[in-house]
Amino acid sequence: MVGVRLVVSVLAVTALLAVAAPLAQAGGGPGSGLPGTTTCRSVEHEGNPHQVINLTDGLSNQDVKVDPPALLCDLSVAATLVKGPNLSTVDSPNVVMCYKVGGGGGDKIAATITDLFGTHDVKVGGFKLVCVPAQLQD
């Protein structure tokens, strides 16, 4: 059940971010910026918004029950490459690809979040995902 909630949450966030993400013209080595980068942190919350929504993307169309929040994603992230292979360039992003990240632990922070499903008192954990604009090939 937790896996299903995570998938549904990531799909919903991905749909939102695909609309919000700017074009990604990265390219370059260490010190290069990662435009359009988003981070997602774990969220603990009890309770359920009680909505059923229809999600449609390029892969499927499904009615899904909205469960408690699982991730909180930040749309204004400054990210630069510290080490590793040079970054690629994505000319026409149409999706967002999220990668698991390590080393993002820390204390959970109490926060109140208001979104389309209501206002929630949550505990926000460390970084879980970094998401970047990507292109899904037909």
C-alpha atoms as a PDB file:
ATOM      1  CA  MET A   1       0.000   0.000   0.000  1.00  0.00           C
ATOM      2  CA  VAL A   2       2.867   2.407   0.820  1.00  0.00           C
ATOM      3  CA  GLY A   3       4.431   1.624  -2.580  1.00  0.00           C
ATOM      4  CA  VAL A   4       1.162   2.461  -4.341  1.00  0.00           C
ATOM      5  CA  ARG A   5       0.900   5.732  -2.422  1.00  0.00           C
ATOM      6  CA  LEU A   6       4.468   6.640  -3.376  1.00  0.00           C
ATOM      7  CA  VAL A   7       3.833   5.864  -7.060  1.00  0.00           C
ATOM      8  CA  VAL A   8       0.600   7.879  -7.082  1.00  0.00           C
ATOM      9  CA  SER A   9       2.316  10.775  -5.298  1.00  0.00           C
ATOM     10  CA  VAL A  10       5.260  10.743  -7.693  1.00  0.00           C
ATOM     11  CA  LEU A  11       2.889  10.592 -10.696  1.00  0.00           C
ATOM     12  CA  ALA A  12       0.895  13.547  -9.411  1.00  0.00           C
ATOM     13  CA  VAL A  13       4.030  15.566  -8.676  1.00  0.00           C
ATOM     14  CA  THR A  14       5.518  14.605 -12.028  1.00  0.00           C
ATOM     15  CA  ALA A  15       2.409  15.815 -13.845  1.00  0.00           C
ATOM     16  CA  LEU A  16       2.574  19.122 -11.978  1.00  0.00           C
ATOM     17  CA  LEU A  17       6.291  19.557 -12.528  1.00  0.00           C
ATOM     18  CA  ALA A  18       6.108  18.672 -16.218  1.00  0.00           C
ATOM     19  CA  VAL A  19       3.937  21.743 -16.642  1.00  0.00           C
ATOM     20  CA  ALA A  20       6.058  23.932 -14.348  1.00  0.00           C
ATOM     21  CA  ALA A  21       9.577  22.893 -15.375  1.00  0.00           C
ATOM     22  CA  PRO A  22      11.443  25.283 -17.673  1.00  0.00           C
ATOM     23  CA  LEU A  23      13.426  24.082 -20.666  1.00  0.00           C
ATOM     24  CA  ALA A  24      16.633  22.354 -19.592  1.00  0.00           C
ATOM     25  CA  GLN A  25      19.803  23.492 -21.326  1.00  0.00           C
ATOM     26  CA  ALA A  26      22.312  21.941 -18.921  1.00  0.00           C
ATOM     27  CA  GLY A  27      25.474  20.487 -20.445  1.00  0.00           C
ATOM     28  CA  GLY A  28      28.882  20.969 -18.880  1.00  0.00           C
ATOM     29  CA  GLY A  29      31.056  19.592 -16.095  1.00  0.00           C
ATOM     30  CA  PRO A  30      31.530  20.259 -12.378  1.00  0.00           C
ATOM     31  CA  GLY A  31      30.107  23.601 -11.287  1.00  0.00           C
ATOM     32  CA  SER A  32      27.470  23.499 -14.028  1.00  0.00           C
ATOM     33  CA  GLY A  33      23.950  24.341 -12.944  1.00  0.00           C
ATOM     34  CA  LEU A  34      20.991  21.974 -13.229  1.00  0.00           C
ATOM     35  CA  PRO A  35      18.132  24.195 -14.492  1.00  0.00           C
ATOM     36  CA  GLY A  36      14.600  23.077 -13.675  1.00  0.00           C
ATOM     37  CA  THR A  37      15.795  20.882 -10.796  1.00  0.00           C
ATOM     38  CA  THR A  38      13.280  19.936  -8.120  1.00  0.00           C
ATOM     39  CA  THR A  39      13.865  18.124  -4.830  1.00  0.00           C
ATOM     40  CA  CYS A  40      11.370  15.972  -2.956  1.00  0.00           C
ATOM     41  CA  ARG A  41      11.414  15.200   0.762  1.00  0.00           C
ATOM     42  CA  SER A  42       9.507  12.557   2.697  1.00  0.00           C
ATOM     43  CA  VAL A  43       6.378  13.668   4.551  1.00  0.00           C
ATOM     44  CA  GLU A  44       4.653  12.023   7.506  1.00  0.00           C
ATOM     45  CA  HIS A  45       0.955  12.759   7.951  1.00  0.00           C
ATOM     46  CA  GLU A  46      -2.016  10.903   9.366  1.00  0.00           C
ATOM     47  CA  GLY A  47      -5.385  11.115   7.712  1.00  0.00           C
ATOM     48  CA  ASN A  48      -6.721  11.002   4.206  1.00  0.00           C
ATOM     49  CA  PRO A  49      -8.056  13.770   1.923  1.00  0.00           C
ATOM     50  CA  HIS A  50     -10.914  11.447   0.751  1.00  0.00           C
ATOM     51  CA  GLN A  51     -10.860  12.441  -2.923  1.00  0.00           C
ATOM     52  CA  VAL A  52     -10.747  10.288  -6.052  1.00  0.00           C
ATOM     53  CA  ILE A  53      -9.117  11.952  -9.060  1.00  0.00           C
ATOM     54  CA  ASN A  54      -8.491  11.021 -12.668  1.00  0.00           C
ATOM     55  CA  LEU A  55      -4.846  11.101 -13.765  1.00  0.00           C
ATOM     56  CA  THR A  56      -4.072  11.103 -17.472  1.00  0.00           C
ATOM     57  CA  ASP A  57      -0.584  11.228 -18.925  1.00  0.00           C
ATOM     58  CA  GLY A  58       1.177   9.898 -22.005  1.00  0.00           C
ATOM     59  CA  LEU A  59       1.202   6.366 -20.574  1.00  0.00           C
ATOM     60  CA  SER A  60      -2.204   5.788 -18.958  1.00  0.00           C
ATOM     61  CA  ASN A  61      -5.551   7.126 -17.748  1.00  0.00           C
ATOM     62  CA  GLN A  62      -6.659   6.051 -14.259  1.00  0.00           C
ATOM     63  CA  ASP A  63      -9.021   7.003 -11.453  1.00  0.00           C
ATOM     64  CA  VAL A  64      -7.050   6.936  -8.200  1.00  0.00           C
ATOM     65  CA  LYS A  65      -7.903   7.451  -4.521  1.00  0.00           C
ATOM     66  CA  VAL A  66      -5.878  10.246  -2.918  1.00  0.00           C
ATOM     67  CA  ASP A  67      -4.074   8.934   0.171  1.00  0.00           C
ATOM     68  CA  PRO A  68      -2.078  10.902   2.763  1.00  0.00           C
ATOM     69  CA  PRO A  69       0.799  13.047   1.442  1.00  0.00           C
ATOM     70  CA  ALA A  70       4.097  11.222   0.923  1.00  0.00           C
ATOM     71  CA  LEU A  71       6.434  13.802  -0.641  1.00  0.00           C
ATOM     72  CA  LEU A  72       6.974  17.548  -0.517  1.00  0.00           C
ATOM     73  CA  CYS A  73       8.746  18.854  -3.622  1.00  0.00           C
ATOM     74  CA  ASP A  74      10.441  22.262  -3.867  1.00  0.00           C
ATOM     75  CA  LEU A  75      10.170  24.062  -7.225  1.00  0.00           C
ATOM     76  CA  SER A  76      12.909  26.634  -6.499  1.00  0.00           C
ATOM     77  CA  VAL A  77      16.117  24.651  -6.041  1.00  0.00           C
ATOM     78  CA  ALA A  78      19.673  25.738  -6.748  1.00  0.00           C
ATOM     79  CA  ALA A  79      21.657  22.677  -7.831  1.00  0.00           C
ATOM     80  CA  THR A  80      25.138  22.354  -9.313  1.00  0.00           C
ATOM     81  CA  LEU A  81      27.197  19.353 -10.381  1.00  0.00           C
ATOM     82  CA  VAL A  82      29.936  18.642  -7.815  1.00  0.00           C
ATOM     83  CA  LYS A  83      31.584  15.640  -9.469  1.00  0.00           C
ATOM     84  CA  GLY A  84      30.841  13.007 -12.084  1.00  0.00           C
ATOM     85  CA  PRO A  85      30.354  12.895 -15.861  1.00  0.00           C
ATOM     86  CA  ASN A  86      29.347  16.041 -17.711  1.00  0.00           C
ATOM     87  CA  LEU A  87      25.653  16.870 -17.823  1.00  0.00           C
ATOM     88  CA  SER A  88      23.518  16.258 -20.899  1.00  0.00           C
ATOM     89  CA  THR A  89      21.382  18.802 -22.726  1.00  0.00           C
ATOM     90  CA  VAL A  90      17.609  18.289 -22.971  1.00  0.00           C
ATOM     91  CA  ASP A  91      16.195  20.460 -25.751  1.00  0.00           C
ATOM     92  CA  SER A  92      12.460  19.688 -25.465  1.00  0.00           C
ATOM     93  CA  PRO A  93      11.557  18.324 -22.015  1.00  0.00           C
ATOM     94  CA  ASN A  94       8.082  16.842 -21.771  1.00  0.00           C
ATOM     95  CA  VAL A  95       8.391  14.873 -18.495  1.00  0.00           C
ATOM     96  CA  VAL A  96      10.299  15.002 -15.219  1.00  0.00           C
ATOM     97  CA  MET A  97      12.676  12.182 -14.215  1.00  0.00           C
ATOM     98  CA  CYS A  98      13.223  11.683 -10.479  1.00  0.00           C
ATOM     99  CA  TYR A  99      16.299  10.022  -8.994  1.00  0.00           C
ATOM    100  CA  LYS A 100      16.679   8.642  -5.476  1.00  0.00           C
ATOM    101  CA  VAL A 101      19.363  10.481  -3.490  1.00  0.00           C
ATOM    102  CA  GLY A 102      21.434   9.403  -0.499  1.00  0.00           C
ATOM    103  CA  GLY A 103      22.784  11.409   2.398  1.00  0.00           C
ATOM    104  CA  GLY A 104      19.663  13.534   2.763  1.00  0.00           C
ATOM    105  CA  GLY A 105      18.758  12.527   6.315  1.00  0.00           C
ATOM    106  CA  GLY A 106      18.281  14.794   9.262  1.00  0.00           C
ATOM    107  CA  ASP A 107      15.619  15.691  11.777  1.00  0.00           C
ATOM    108  CA  LYS A 108      12.010  15.882  10.683  1.00  0.00           C
ATOM    109  CA  ILE A 109      10.680  19.429  10.644  1.00  0.00           C
ATOM    110  CA  ALA A 110       7.075  20.248  11.605  1.00  0.00           C
ATOM    111  CA  ALA A 111       5.277  22.285   8.933  1.00  0.00           C
ATOM    112  CA  THR A 112       1.784  23.265   7.848  1.00  0.00           C
ATOM    113  CA  ILE A 113       1.137  22.775   4.146  1.00  0.00           C
ATOM    114  CA  THR A 114      -1.876  24.008   2.180  1.00  0.00           C
ATOM    115  CA  ASP A 115      -2.561  22.451  -1.225  1.00  0.00           C
ATOM    116  CA  LEU A 116      -5.528  21.618  -3.461  1.00  0.00           C
ATOM    117  CA  PHE A 117      -6.634  18.866  -1.054  1.00  0.00           C
ATOM    118  CA  GLY A 118      -6.660  21.026   2.089  1.00  0.00           C
ATOM    119  CA  THR A 119      -4.367  22.087   4.930  1.00  0.00           C
ATOM    120  CA  HIS A 120      -2.133  19.479   6.549  1.00  0.00           C
ATOM    121  CA  ASP A 121       0.118  19.475   9.602  1.00  0.00           C
ATOM    122  CA  VAL A 122       3.066  17.329   8.522  1.00  0.00           C
ATOM    123  CA  LYS A 123       6.591  16.331   9.490  1.00  0.00           C
ATOM    124  CA  VAL A 124       9.027  16.908   6.624  1.00  0.00           C
ATOM    125  CA  GLY A 125      12.031  14.588   6.407  1.00  0.00           C
ATOM    126  CA  GLY A 126      15.263  14.637   4.424  1.00  0.00           C
ATOM    127  CA  PHE A 127      15.822  14.645   0.673  1.00  0.00           C
ATOM    128  CA  LYS A 128      14.502  11.497  -1.040  1.00  0.00           C
ATOM    129  CA  LEU A 129      14.439  12.469  -4.728  1.00  0.00           C
ATOM    130  CA  VAL A 130      16.000  14.954  -7.111  1.00  0.00           C
ATOM    131  CA  CYS A 131      13.915  15.543 -10.230  1.00  0.00           C
ATOM    132  CA  VAL A 132      15.063  17.064 -13.513  1.00  0.00           C
ATOM    133  CA  PRO A 133      13.366  17.908 -16.808  1.00  0.00           C
ATOM    134  CA  ALA A 134      13.608  15.021 -19.289  1.00  0.00           C
ATOM    135  CA  GLN A 135      12.318  14.014 -22.697  1.00  0.00           C
ATOM    136  CA  LEU A 136      10.160  10.909 -23.164  1.00  0.00           C
ATOM    137  CA  GLN A 137      10.832   9.551 -26.639  1.00  0.00           C
ATOM    138  CA  ASP A 138       7.788   8.432 -28.649  1.00  0.00           C
END
